[in-house]
């Protein structure tokens, strides 16, 4: 079998793509807009990961424990599902839709209801967990494979911003505007993630333009 496989591997041709390597000083402006969008859009998942017990205060230990178990479960389940949807609808449209729905379900968390609490946790898990897959694929789509690992390594640091806003800033704001007000504030910041992404879509650093200059 190896005698057959080795010649096939040697002669196999793959779809053409950009293999140009990008230096830090050459990173297109559009990438920084993607980073800003990723950082803000990741807030709901970081918020849920760190503060479910605070948000679910008064619901009882069983409800909070169930939500804490469902969040990582659906975070993993959502990645192939949303990824498959993005393959059909396109990465950009899917990311915009995910950001909008994440905003809505973060606001729904402010409703004092165990059902809303569990439902929002599941939705945030599915959609928030898919962001890492969507944005990683977007980087490859837009800038080719040559520097995709380098760029994604930078992009991944956006999770620190998400965690800072979704946990530390949330904890501080609860002292002043309570849980409900803090959730509305976090929702507004999540919605704000749409702005840099829309601006990115209007830049000239799309994959087509980039590959033409590669």
N, C-alpha and C. Protein backbone atom coordinates (compact mmCIF):
# COMPACT_ATOMS: atom_id res chain seq x y z
N UNK A 1 0.83 -1.21 0.00
CA UNK A 1 0.00 0.00 0.00
C UNK A 1 0.86 1.26 0.00
N UNK A 2 1.98 1.23 0.77
CA UNK A 2 2.87 2.37 0.81
C UNK A 2 3.45 2.67 -0.57
N UNK A 3 3.68 1.60 -1.36
CA UNK A 3 4.23 1.77 -2.70
C UNK A 3 3.27 2.59 -3.56
N UNK A 4 1.97 2.42 -3.32
CA UNK A 4 0.95 3.15 -4.08
C UNK A 4 0.77 4.56 -3.53
N UNK A 5 0.73 4.68 -2.19
CA UNK A 5 0.42 5.96 -1.55
C UNK A 5 1.51 7.00 -1.77
N UNK A 6 2.78 6.59 -1.62
CA UNK A 6 3.87 7.56 -1.70
C UNK A 6 3.93 8.30 -3.03
N UNK A 7 3.82 7.60 -4.19
CA UNK A 7 3.81 8.34 -5.46
C UNK A 7 2.62 9.28 -5.58
N UNK A 8 1.45 8.85 -5.04
CA UNK A 8 0.26 9.70 -5.10
C UNK A 8 0.47 10.98 -4.30
N UNK A 9 1.07 10.85 -3.12
CA UNK A 9 1.33 12.03 -2.28
C UNK A 9 2.32 12.97 -2.96
N UNK A 10 3.28 12.39 -3.64
CA UNK A 10 4.31 13.20 -4.29
C UNK A 10 3.76 13.99 -5.47
N UNK A 11 2.76 13.45 -6.12
CA UNK A 11 2.21 14.09 -7.32
C UNK A 11 0.92 14.85 -7.05
N UNK A 12 0.43 14.80 -5.81
CA UNK A 12 -0.84 15.46 -5.49
C UNK A 12 -0.70 16.97 -5.62
N UNK A 13 -1.73 17.60 -6.14
CA UNK A 13 -1.76 19.05 -6.28
C UNK A 13 -2.89 19.60 -5.42
N UNK A 14 -2.62 20.68 -4.74
CA UNK A 14 -3.59 21.28 -3.84
C UNK A 14 -4.09 22.59 -4.42
N UNK A 15 -5.26 23.05 -3.97
CA UNK A 15 -5.78 24.32 -4.49
C UNK A 15 -4.80 25.45 -4.24
N UNK A 16 -4.60 26.32 -5.20
CA UNK A 16 -3.65 27.42 -5.02
C UNK A 16 -4.11 28.38 -3.93
N UNK A 17 -3.21 28.87 -3.15
CA UNK A 17 -3.52 29.84 -2.11
C UNK A 17 -2.28 30.65 -1.82
N UNK A 18 -2.45 31.75 -1.12
CA UNK A 18 -1.31 32.59 -0.80
C UNK A 18 -0.44 31.96 0.27
N UNK A 19 0.86 31.92 0.01
CA UNK A 19 1.79 31.42 1.03
C UNK A 19 2.73 32.54 1.48
N UNK A 20 2.39 33.76 1.11
CA UNK A 20 3.21 34.90 1.51
C UNK A 20 3.20 35.05 3.02
N UNK A 21 4.37 35.26 3.60
CA UNK A 21 4.49 35.44 5.04
C UNK A 21 4.44 36.94 5.35
N UNK A 22 3.68 37.27 6.39
CA UNK A 22 3.51 38.66 6.77
C UNK A 22 4.38 38.97 7.98
N UNK A 23 5.11 40.05 7.90
CA UNK A 23 5.85 40.53 9.06
C UNK A 23 4.92 41.37 9.92
N UNK A 24 5.31 41.57 11.18
CA UNK A 24 4.46 42.33 12.09
C UNK A 24 4.18 43.72 11.54
N UNK A 25 5.19 44.34 10.97
CA UNK A 25 5.04 45.70 10.43
C UNK A 25 4.19 45.74 9.17
N UNK A 26 3.93 44.56 8.58
CA UNK A 26 3.17 44.49 7.33
C UNK A 26 1.74 44.02 7.55
N UNK A 27 1.33 43.85 8.80
CA UNK A 27 -0.02 43.37 9.07
C UNK A 27 -1.04 44.36 8.51
N UNK A 28 -1.98 43.91 7.68
CA UNK A 28 -2.97 44.82 7.09
C UNK A 28 -3.86 45.46 8.15
N UNK A 29 -4.29 46.70 7.95
CA UNK A 29 -5.15 47.38 8.93
C UNK A 29 -6.42 46.60 9.24
N UNK A 30 -6.95 45.90 8.24
CA UNK A 30 -8.17 45.14 8.46
C UNK A 30 -8.04 44.09 9.54
N UNK A 31 -6.83 43.56 9.71
CA UNK A 31 -6.63 42.53 10.74
C UNK A 31 -6.88 43.08 12.13
N UNK A 32 -6.48 44.32 12.37
CA UNK A 32 -6.67 44.91 13.70
C UNK A 32 -8.15 45.15 13.98
N UNK A 33 -8.92 45.39 12.93
CA UNK A 33 -10.37 45.49 13.10
C UNK A 33 -10.97 44.13 13.45
N UNK A 34 -10.44 43.08 12.83
CA UNK A 34 -10.88 41.72 13.17
C UNK A 34 -10.55 41.43 14.63
N UNK A 35 -9.37 41.82 15.07
CA UNK A 35 -8.96 41.59 16.46
C UNK A 35 -9.88 42.32 17.43
N UNK A 36 -10.21 43.57 17.12
CA UNK A 36 -11.11 44.34 17.99
C UNK A 36 -12.49 43.69 18.07
N UNK A 37 -12.98 43.22 16.93
CA UNK A 37 -14.28 42.55 16.89
C UNK A 37 -14.26 41.26 17.69
N UNK A 38 -13.22 40.46 17.52
CA UNK A 38 -13.09 39.20 18.25
C UNK A 38 -13.02 39.44 19.76
N UNK A 39 -12.30 40.46 20.16
CA UNK A 39 -12.13 40.77 21.58
C UNK A 39 -13.46 41.12 22.24
N UNK A 40 -14.27 41.91 21.55
CA UNK A 40 -15.56 42.33 22.12
C UNK A 40 -16.63 41.26 21.99
N UNK A 41 -16.61 40.54 20.88
CA UNK A 41 -17.62 39.51 20.66
C UNK A 41 -17.46 38.33 21.62
N UNK A 42 -16.26 38.16 22.15
CA UNK A 42 -16.01 37.06 23.08
C UNK A 42 -16.45 37.34 24.50
N UNK A 43 -16.95 38.55 24.77
CA UNK A 43 -17.35 38.93 26.13
C UNK A 43 -18.39 37.99 26.73
N UNK A 44 -19.50 37.67 26.03
CA UNK A 44 -20.53 36.83 26.65
C UNK A 44 -20.02 35.48 27.15
N UNK A 45 -19.15 34.82 26.38
CA UNK A 45 -18.65 33.52 26.81
C UNK A 45 -17.78 33.66 28.05
N UNK A 46 -16.94 34.67 28.09
CA UNK A 46 -16.09 34.88 29.26
C UNK A 46 -16.93 35.30 30.47
N UNK A 47 -17.96 36.07 30.22
CA UNK A 47 -18.88 36.48 31.28
C UNK A 47 -19.56 35.27 31.90
N UNK A 48 -20.09 34.40 31.04
CA UNK A 48 -20.77 33.20 31.53
C UNK A 48 -19.79 32.26 32.23
N UNK A 49 -18.60 32.14 31.69
CA UNK A 49 -17.61 31.23 32.27
C UNK A 49 -17.21 31.63 33.68
N UNK A 50 -17.18 32.94 33.94
CA UNK A 50 -16.68 33.41 35.23
C UNK A 50 -17.76 33.80 36.23
N UNK A 51 -18.98 34.09 35.74
CA UNK A 51 -19.96 34.72 36.63
C UNK A 51 -21.33 34.06 36.65
N UNK A 52 -21.44 32.82 36.22
CA UNK A 52 -22.75 32.16 36.24
C UNK A 52 -23.33 32.09 37.65
N UNK A 53 -22.49 31.90 38.65
CA UNK A 53 -22.99 31.81 40.02
C UNK A 53 -23.54 33.15 40.50
N UNK A 54 -22.93 34.23 40.05
CA UNK A 54 -23.41 35.57 40.43
C UNK A 54 -24.71 35.89 39.71
N UNK A 55 -24.75 35.61 38.41
CA UNK A 55 -25.95 35.88 37.62
C UNK A 55 -27.11 35.00 38.08
N UNK A 56 -26.81 33.77 38.50
CA UNK A 56 -27.85 32.83 38.90
C UNK A 56 -28.15 32.83 40.38
N UNK A 57 -27.72 33.86 41.08
CA UNK A 57 -27.97 33.93 42.53
C UNK A 57 -29.48 33.90 42.81
N UNK A 58 -29.88 32.99 43.68
CA UNK A 58 -31.29 32.86 44.01
C UNK A 58 -32.00 31.76 43.25
N UNK A 59 -31.35 31.19 42.24
CA UNK A 59 -31.98 30.12 41.46
C UNK A 59 -31.80 28.75 42.10
N UNK A 60 -30.89 28.65 43.02
CA UNK A 60 -30.62 27.35 43.64
C UNK A 60 -29.38 26.70 43.05
N UNK A 61 -28.76 25.87 43.87
CA UNK A 61 -27.50 25.24 43.47
C UNK A 61 -27.66 24.35 42.25
N UNK A 62 -28.76 23.61 42.16
CA UNK A 62 -28.96 22.66 41.05
C UNK A 62 -29.00 23.38 39.71
N UNK A 63 -29.73 24.50 39.64
CA UNK A 63 -29.84 25.26 38.39
C UNK A 63 -28.48 25.82 37.97
N UNK A 64 -27.77 26.39 38.93
CA UNK A 64 -26.46 26.97 38.63
C UNK A 64 -25.47 25.89 38.21
N UNK A 65 -25.51 24.75 38.91
CA UNK A 65 -24.61 23.64 38.57
C UNK A 65 -24.92 23.09 37.18
N UNK A 66 -26.22 23.01 36.85
CA UNK A 66 -26.61 22.53 35.52
C UNK A 66 -26.11 23.48 34.43
N UNK A 67 -26.26 24.78 34.67
CA UNK A 67 -25.80 25.77 33.70
C UNK A 67 -24.28 25.70 33.53
N UNK A 68 -23.58 25.52 34.64
CA UNK A 68 -22.12 25.44 34.60
C UNK A 68 -21.64 24.22 33.83
N UNK A 69 -22.44 23.16 33.84
CA UNK A 69 -22.09 21.94 33.10
C UNK A 69 -22.46 22.05 31.62
N UNK A 70 -23.57 22.72 31.35
CA UNK A 70 -24.04 22.85 29.97
C UNK A 70 -23.17 23.80 29.15
N UNK A 71 -22.62 24.81 29.80
CA UNK A 71 -21.84 25.82 29.07
C UNK A 71 -20.66 25.21 28.30
N UNK A 72 -19.76 24.48 28.95
CA UNK A 72 -18.64 23.89 28.19
C UNK A 72 -19.08 22.81 27.21
N UNK A 73 -20.16 22.09 27.56
CA UNK A 73 -20.67 21.05 26.66
C UNK A 73 -21.09 21.65 25.34
N UNK A 74 -21.94 22.69 25.40
CA UNK A 74 -22.45 23.29 24.18
C UNK A 74 -21.42 24.18 23.50
N UNK A 75 -20.43 24.63 24.26
CA UNK A 75 -19.34 25.38 23.64
C UNK A 75 -18.60 24.50 22.64
N UNK A 76 -18.42 23.23 22.98
CA UNK A 76 -17.78 22.30 22.06
C UNK A 76 -18.69 21.85 20.95
N UNK A 77 -19.96 21.61 21.28
CA UNK A 77 -20.93 21.15 20.28
C UNK A 77 -21.15 22.21 19.20
N UNK A 78 -21.13 23.47 19.61
CA UNK A 78 -21.45 24.55 18.67
C UNK A 78 -20.42 24.77 17.59
N UNK A 79 -19.18 24.38 17.83
CA UNK A 79 -18.12 24.68 16.87
C UNK A 79 -18.32 24.02 15.51
N UNK A 80 -18.55 22.71 15.44
CA UNK A 80 -18.78 22.11 14.12
C UNK A 80 -20.10 22.53 13.50
N UNK A 81 -21.11 22.78 14.35
CA UNK A 81 -22.43 23.17 13.82
C UNK A 81 -22.36 24.55 13.17
N UNK A 82 -21.87 25.53 13.92
CA UNK A 82 -21.77 26.89 13.38
C UNK A 82 -20.73 26.95 12.27
N UNK A 83 -19.67 26.15 12.40
CA UNK A 83 -18.67 26.10 11.35
C UNK A 83 -19.25 25.62 10.03
N UNK A 84 -20.10 24.61 10.12
CA UNK A 84 -20.76 24.08 8.92
C UNK A 84 -21.68 25.13 8.29
N UNK A 85 -22.39 25.86 9.15
CA UNK A 85 -23.27 26.92 8.66
C UNK A 85 -22.46 27.99 7.94
N UNK A 86 -21.30 28.34 8.52
CA UNK A 86 -20.47 29.39 7.92
C UNK A 86 -19.89 28.95 6.58
N UNK A 87 -19.68 27.65 6.41
CA UNK A 87 -19.19 27.15 5.12
C UNK A 87 -20.21 27.38 4.02
N UNK A 88 -21.49 27.41 4.41
CA UNK A 88 -22.57 27.59 3.43
C UNK A 88 -22.93 29.07 3.25
N UNK A 89 -23.03 29.79 4.37
CA UNK A 89 -23.47 31.19 4.31
C UNK A 89 -22.32 32.16 4.09
N UNK A 90 -21.11 31.73 4.39
CA UNK A 90 -19.96 32.63 4.33
C UNK A 90 -19.54 33.04 5.73
N UNK A 91 -18.25 33.22 5.90
CA UNK A 91 -17.71 33.52 7.23
C UNK A 91 -18.20 34.86 7.74
N UNK A 92 -18.22 35.86 6.89
CA UNK A 92 -18.56 37.21 7.33
C UNK A 92 -20.01 37.30 7.80
N UNK A 93 -20.92 36.78 7.01
CA UNK A 93 -22.33 36.83 7.39
C UNK A 93 -22.58 36.07 8.68
N UNK A 94 -21.95 34.92 8.80
CA UNK A 94 -22.15 34.10 9.99
C UNK A 94 -21.63 34.81 11.23
N UNK A 95 -20.47 35.43 11.14
CA UNK A 95 -19.91 36.14 12.29
C UNK A 95 -20.80 37.30 12.71
N UNK A 96 -21.33 38.04 11.76
CA UNK A 96 -22.24 39.13 12.08
C UNK A 96 -23.50 38.61 12.77
N UNK A 97 -24.04 37.51 12.26
CA UNK A 97 -25.24 36.92 12.86
C UNK A 97 -24.96 36.43 14.27
N UNK A 98 -23.82 35.78 14.46
CA UNK A 98 -23.45 35.27 15.78
C UNK A 98 -23.30 36.42 16.77
N UNK A 99 -22.66 37.51 16.35
CA UNK A 99 -22.49 38.66 17.24
C UNK A 99 -23.81 39.26 17.66
N UNK A 100 -24.75 39.34 16.72
CA UNK A 100 -26.06 39.91 17.02
C UNK A 100 -26.84 39.03 17.99
N UNK A 101 -26.84 37.73 17.75
CA UNK A 101 -27.58 36.80 18.62
C UNK A 101 -26.94 36.72 20.00
N UNK A 102 -25.62 36.78 20.07
CA UNK A 102 -24.94 36.79 21.36
C UNK A 102 -25.36 38.01 22.18
N UNK A 103 -25.51 39.15 21.51
CA UNK A 103 -25.95 40.36 22.20
C UNK A 103 -27.34 40.16 22.80
N UNK A 104 -28.23 39.58 22.02
CA UNK A 104 -29.61 39.35 22.48
C UNK A 104 -29.65 38.43 23.69
N UNK A 105 -28.92 37.32 23.63
CA UNK A 105 -28.98 36.36 24.73
C UNK A 105 -28.25 36.85 25.98
N UNK A 106 -27.29 37.74 25.81
CA UNK A 106 -26.66 38.34 26.99
C UNK A 106 -27.66 39.25 27.69
N UNK A 107 -28.49 39.95 26.92
CA UNK A 107 -29.54 40.77 27.51
C UNK A 107 -30.60 39.92 28.19
N UNK A 108 -30.92 38.78 27.58
CA UNK A 108 -31.93 37.89 28.16
C UNK A 108 -31.48 37.36 29.52
N UNK A 109 -30.17 37.25 29.73
CA UNK A 109 -29.66 36.83 31.04
C UNK A 109 -30.14 37.75 32.15
N UNK A 110 -30.43 39.00 31.80
CA UNK A 110 -30.88 39.97 32.80
C UNK A 110 -32.30 39.69 33.28
N UNK A 111 -33.04 38.88 32.54
CA UNK A 111 -34.40 38.51 32.96
C UNK A 111 -34.29 37.54 34.13
N UNK A 112 -34.97 37.83 35.20
CA UNK A 112 -34.89 36.99 36.39
C UNK A 112 -35.78 35.76 36.22
N UNK A 113 -35.27 34.79 35.50
CA UNK A 113 -36.02 33.56 35.23
C UNK A 113 -35.03 32.42 35.03
N UNK A 114 -35.21 31.29 35.75
CA UNK A 114 -34.33 30.14 35.56
C UNK A 114 -34.33 29.63 34.12
N UNK A 115 -35.49 29.69 33.46
CA UNK A 115 -35.59 29.22 32.08
C UNK A 115 -34.75 30.11 31.16
N UNK A 116 -34.88 31.43 31.34
CA UNK A 116 -34.09 32.36 30.54
C UNK A 116 -32.60 32.18 30.83
N UNK A 117 -32.29 31.89 32.08
CA UNK A 117 -30.91 31.69 32.52
C UNK A 117 -30.28 30.48 31.83
N UNK A 118 -30.98 29.36 31.84
CA UNK A 118 -30.47 28.14 31.22
C UNK A 118 -30.41 28.29 29.70
N UNK A 119 -31.48 28.84 29.12
CA UNK A 119 -31.54 29.01 27.67
C UNK A 119 -30.41 29.91 27.16
N UNK A 120 -30.20 31.01 27.86
CA UNK A 120 -29.13 31.93 27.46
C UNK A 120 -27.76 31.30 27.61
N UNK A 121 -27.58 30.52 28.67
CA UNK A 121 -26.30 29.85 28.88
C UNK A 121 -25.98 28.89 27.74
N UNK A 122 -26.99 28.12 27.33
CA UNK A 122 -26.81 27.18 26.22
C UNK A 122 -26.49 27.93 24.92
N UNK A 123 -27.25 29.00 24.65
CA UNK A 123 -27.04 29.77 23.42
C UNK A 123 -25.66 30.42 23.40
N UNK A 124 -25.26 30.99 24.54
CA UNK A 124 -23.95 31.62 24.63
C UNK A 124 -22.85 30.57 24.47
N UNK A 125 -23.08 29.39 25.01
CA UNK A 125 -22.11 28.31 24.84
C UNK A 125 -21.94 27.93 23.38
N UNK A 126 -23.06 27.73 22.69
CA UNK A 126 -23.02 27.33 21.28
C UNK A 126 -22.35 28.40 20.42
N UNK A 127 -22.81 29.64 20.57
CA UNK A 127 -22.34 30.72 19.71
C UNK A 127 -20.97 31.24 20.13
N UNK A 128 -20.79 31.42 21.44
CA UNK A 128 -19.51 31.92 21.93
C UNK A 128 -18.38 30.94 21.67
N UNK A 129 -18.67 29.67 21.83
CA UNK A 129 -17.65 28.65 21.58
C UNK A 129 -17.24 28.57 20.13
N UNK A 130 -18.14 28.95 19.24
CA UNK A 130 -17.84 28.86 17.80
C UNK A 130 -16.94 29.99 17.31
N UNK A 131 -16.79 31.04 18.11
CA UNK A 131 -16.02 32.20 17.65
C UNK A 131 -14.59 31.85 17.31
N UNK A 132 -13.98 31.01 18.12
CA UNK A 132 -12.58 30.65 17.90
C UNK A 132 -12.41 29.97 16.54
N UNK A 133 -13.40 29.13 16.18
CA UNK A 133 -13.36 28.44 14.89
C UNK A 133 -13.63 29.39 13.74
N UNK A 134 -14.63 30.24 13.92
CA UNK A 134 -15.01 31.17 12.86
C UNK A 134 -13.89 32.15 12.53
N UNK A 135 -13.31 32.74 13.56
CA UNK A 135 -12.27 33.75 13.32
C UNK A 135 -10.98 33.12 12.82
N UNK A 136 -10.67 31.91 13.28
CA UNK A 136 -9.49 31.21 12.76
C UNK A 136 -9.65 30.94 11.27
N UNK A 137 -10.84 30.50 10.88
CA UNK A 137 -11.11 30.24 9.46
C UNK A 137 -11.10 31.53 8.66
N UNK A 138 -11.62 32.60 9.26
CA UNK A 138 -11.65 33.89 8.58
C UNK A 138 -10.23 34.38 8.27
N UNK A 139 -9.32 34.19 9.21
CA UNK A 139 -7.93 34.60 9.00
C UNK A 139 -7.34 33.86 7.81
N UNK A 140 -7.58 32.55 7.74
CA UNK A 140 -7.10 31.77 6.61
C UNK A 140 -7.73 32.20 5.30
N UNK A 141 -9.04 32.49 5.35
CA UNK A 141 -9.75 32.92 4.15
C UNK A 141 -9.21 34.25 3.63
N UNK A 142 -8.97 35.17 4.54
CA UNK A 142 -8.62 36.53 4.15
C UNK A 142 -7.14 36.69 3.79
N UNK A 143 -6.27 36.03 4.52
CA UNK A 143 -4.84 36.30 4.37
C UNK A 143 -4.02 35.10 3.93
N UNK A 144 -4.68 33.99 3.61
CA UNK A 144 -3.97 32.82 3.13
C UNK A 144 -3.31 32.04 4.25
N UNK A 145 -2.66 30.94 3.89
CA UNK A 145 -2.10 30.04 4.90
C UNK A 145 -0.68 30.41 5.31
N UNK A 146 -0.03 31.28 4.54
CA UNK A 146 1.36 31.59 4.80
C UNK A 146 1.63 32.15 6.18
N UNK A 147 0.71 32.99 6.65
CA UNK A 147 0.89 33.63 7.96
C UNK A 147 -0.32 33.42 8.86
N UNK A 148 -1.16 32.45 8.54
CA UNK A 148 -2.39 32.27 9.31
C UNK A 148 -2.12 31.92 10.77
N UNK A 149 -1.10 31.09 11.02
CA UNK A 149 -0.78 30.72 12.40
C UNK A 149 -0.23 31.92 13.17
N UNK A 150 0.62 32.70 12.52
CA UNK A 150 1.17 33.91 13.13
C UNK A 150 0.07 34.90 13.49
N UNK A 151 -0.83 35.14 12.54
CA UNK A 151 -1.91 36.10 12.76
C UNK A 151 -2.90 35.59 13.80
N UNK A 152 -3.20 34.29 13.76
CA UNK A 152 -4.13 33.76 14.74
C UNK A 152 -3.53 33.79 16.14
N UNK A 153 -2.21 33.63 16.23
CA UNK A 153 -1.55 33.74 17.52
C UNK A 153 -1.75 35.11 18.14
N UNK A 154 -1.71 36.14 17.30
CA UNK A 154 -1.98 37.50 17.77
C UNK A 154 -3.46 37.65 18.12
N UNK A 155 -4.32 37.14 17.24
CA UNK A 155 -5.76 37.26 17.45
C UNK A 155 -6.20 36.61 18.76
N UNK A 156 -5.60 35.49 19.10
CA UNK A 156 -6.01 34.74 20.28
C UNK A 156 -5.86 35.56 21.56
N UNK A 157 -4.93 36.52 21.55
CA UNK A 157 -4.75 37.37 22.71
C UNK A 157 -5.96 38.25 22.99
N UNK A 158 -6.86 38.34 22.01
CA UNK A 158 -8.09 39.07 22.23
C UNK A 158 -8.94 38.47 23.32
N UNK A 159 -8.72 37.18 23.62
CA UNK A 159 -9.46 36.54 24.70
C UNK A 159 -9.14 37.18 26.04
N UNK A 160 -7.93 37.75 26.17
CA UNK A 160 -7.58 38.44 27.41
C UNK A 160 -8.48 39.66 27.60
N UNK A 161 -8.71 40.40 26.51
CA UNK A 161 -9.58 41.57 26.58
C UNK A 161 -11.00 41.14 26.93
N UNK A 162 -11.46 40.06 26.28
CA UNK A 162 -12.80 39.53 26.56
C UNK A 162 -12.94 39.15 28.03
N UNK A 163 -11.92 38.47 28.55
CA UNK A 163 -11.95 38.03 29.94
C UNK A 163 -11.91 39.20 30.90
N UNK A 164 -11.12 40.21 30.57
CA UNK A 164 -11.01 41.39 31.42
C UNK A 164 -12.35 42.11 31.53
N UNK A 165 -13.03 42.26 30.40
CA UNK A 165 -14.32 42.95 30.40
C UNK A 165 -15.42 42.06 30.96
N UNK A 166 -15.38 40.78 30.58
CA UNK A 166 -16.45 39.86 30.99
C UNK A 166 -16.38 39.40 32.43
N UNK A 167 -15.23 39.55 33.07
CA UNK A 167 -15.12 39.10 34.46
C UNK A 167 -14.77 40.24 35.41
N UNK A 168 -13.61 40.85 35.23
CA UNK A 168 -13.16 41.91 36.15
C UNK A 168 -14.06 43.14 36.06
N UNK A 169 -14.28 43.64 34.83
CA UNK A 169 -15.12 44.83 34.66
C UNK A 169 -16.55 44.55 35.11
N UNK A 170 -17.04 43.34 34.82
CA UNK A 170 -18.39 42.98 35.25
C UNK A 170 -18.49 42.98 36.77
N UNK A 171 -17.51 42.40 37.43
CA UNK A 171 -17.52 42.35 38.90
C UNK A 171 -17.51 43.74 39.51
N UNK A 172 -16.74 44.64 38.91
CA UNK A 172 -16.68 46.01 39.42
C UNK A 172 -17.99 46.75 39.18
N UNK A 173 -18.58 46.56 38.01
CA UNK A 173 -19.81 47.28 37.68
C UNK A 173 -20.99 46.81 38.51
N UNK A 174 -20.99 45.55 38.93
CA UNK A 174 -22.07 45.02 39.76
C UNK A 174 -22.19 45.82 41.06
N UNK A 175 -21.07 46.32 41.55
CA UNK A 175 -21.07 47.10 42.79
C UNK A 175 -21.86 48.40 42.64
N UNK A 176 -21.96 48.89 41.40
CA UNK A 176 -22.58 50.20 41.18
C UNK A 176 -23.95 50.11 40.51
N UNK A 177 -24.08 49.22 39.54
CA UNK A 177 -25.34 49.18 38.77
C UNK A 177 -26.02 47.81 38.85
N UNK A 178 -25.63 47.01 39.81
CA UNK A 178 -26.24 45.70 40.06
C UNK A 178 -26.03 44.76 38.86
N UNK A 179 -26.51 43.54 39.02
CA UNK A 179 -26.29 42.51 38.00
C UNK A 179 -27.02 42.85 36.70
N UNK A 180 -28.29 43.26 36.81
CA UNK A 180 -29.07 43.57 35.62
C UNK A 180 -28.45 44.67 34.78
N UNK A 181 -28.06 45.75 35.43
CA UNK A 181 -27.43 46.86 34.72
C UNK A 181 -26.10 46.46 34.11
N UNK A 182 -25.37 45.64 34.82
CA UNK A 182 -24.07 45.19 34.32
C UNK A 182 -24.23 44.32 33.08
N UNK A 183 -25.27 43.49 33.07
CA UNK A 183 -25.52 42.63 31.91
C UNK A 183 -25.91 43.46 30.69
N UNK A 184 -26.69 44.51 30.91
CA UNK A 184 -27.04 45.41 29.80
C UNK A 184 -25.79 46.08 29.25
N UNK A 185 -24.90 46.50 30.16
CA UNK A 185 -23.65 47.12 29.73
C UNK A 185 -22.79 46.15 28.93
N UNK A 186 -22.70 44.91 29.40
CA UNK A 186 -21.92 43.90 28.67
C UNK A 186 -22.55 43.62 27.31
N UNK A 187 -23.87 43.65 27.24
CA UNK A 187 -24.57 43.45 25.96
C UNK A 187 -24.23 44.56 24.98
N UNK A 188 -24.19 45.79 25.49
CA UNK A 188 -23.87 46.94 24.63
C UNK A 188 -22.45 46.82 24.08
N UNK A 189 -21.53 46.37 24.90
CA UNK A 189 -20.14 46.21 24.45
C UNK A 189 -20.03 45.08 23.42
N UNK A 190 -20.85 44.04 23.61
CA UNK A 190 -20.87 42.95 22.62
C UNK A 190 -21.41 43.44 21.29
N UNK A 191 -22.47 44.25 21.36
CA UNK A 191 -23.04 44.82 20.14
C UNK A 191 -22.02 45.71 19.43
N UNK A 192 -21.19 46.37 20.22
CA UNK A 192 -20.16 47.25 19.66
C UNK A 192 -19.16 46.48 18.81
N UNK A 193 -19.06 45.17 19.03
CA UNK A 193 -18.13 44.35 18.24
C UNK A 193 -18.49 44.34 16.76
N UNK A 194 -19.74 44.66 16.46
CA UNK A 194 -20.19 44.66 15.07
C UNK A 194 -19.54 45.80 14.28
N UNK A 195 -19.27 46.91 14.98
CA UNK A 195 -18.74 48.10 14.29
C UNK A 195 -17.39 47.85 13.64
N UNK A 196 -16.37 47.38 14.38
CA UNK A 196 -15.08 47.13 13.71
C UNK A 196 -15.18 46.07 12.63
N UNK A 197 -16.11 45.11 12.80
CA UNK A 197 -16.22 44.06 11.79
C UNK A 197 -16.83 44.62 10.51
N UNK A 198 -17.82 45.49 10.65
CA UNK A 198 -18.41 46.12 9.47
C UNK A 198 -17.37 47.01 8.78
N UNK A 199 -16.58 47.72 9.59
CA UNK A 199 -15.50 48.54 9.01
C UNK A 199 -14.49 47.67 8.28
N UNK A 200 -14.18 46.51 8.86
CA UNK A 200 -13.27 45.57 8.21
C UNK A 200 -13.81 45.16 6.85
N UNK A 201 -15.11 44.91 6.78
CA UNK A 201 -15.71 44.47 5.53
C UNK A 201 -15.61 45.55 4.45
N UNK A 202 -15.41 46.79 4.89
CA UNK A 202 -15.31 47.90 3.94
C UNK A 202 -13.87 48.23 3.57
N UNK A 203 -12.92 47.60 4.24
CA UNK A 203 -11.51 47.90 3.95
C UNK A 203 -11.08 47.19 2.68
N UNK A 204 -9.91 47.55 2.21
CA UNK A 204 -9.37 46.94 0.99
C UNK A 204 -8.49 45.74 1.30
N UNK A 205 -8.46 45.33 2.59
CA UNK A 205 -7.59 44.21 2.97
C UNK A 205 -8.31 42.88 2.94
N UNK A 206 -9.28 42.75 2.04
CA UNK A 206 -9.96 41.47 1.89
C UNK A 206 -9.04 40.49 1.20
N UNK A 207 -9.42 39.24 1.21
CA UNK A 207 -8.56 38.21 0.64
C UNK A 207 -8.27 38.45 -0.83
N UNK A 208 -9.29 38.90 -1.58
CA UNK A 208 -9.09 39.09 -3.02
C UNK A 208 -8.02 40.14 -3.27
N UNK A 209 -8.14 41.29 -2.59
CA UNK A 209 -7.16 42.35 -2.78
C UNK A 209 -5.79 41.96 -2.26
N UNK A 210 -5.78 41.24 -1.15
CA UNK A 210 -4.49 40.86 -0.57
C UNK A 210 -3.76 39.89 -1.48
N UNK A 211 -4.49 38.89 -1.99
CA UNK A 211 -3.86 37.88 -2.83
C UNK A 211 -3.38 38.47 -4.15
N UNK A 212 -4.05 39.53 -4.61
CA UNK A 212 -3.61 40.17 -5.83
C UNK A 212 -2.24 40.81 -5.66
N UNK A 213 -1.94 41.24 -4.42
CA UNK A 213 -0.66 41.89 -4.14
C UNK A 213 0.38 40.92 -3.61
N UNK A 214 -0.03 39.64 -3.40
CA UNK A 214 0.89 38.66 -2.80
C UNK A 214 1.98 38.28 -3.80
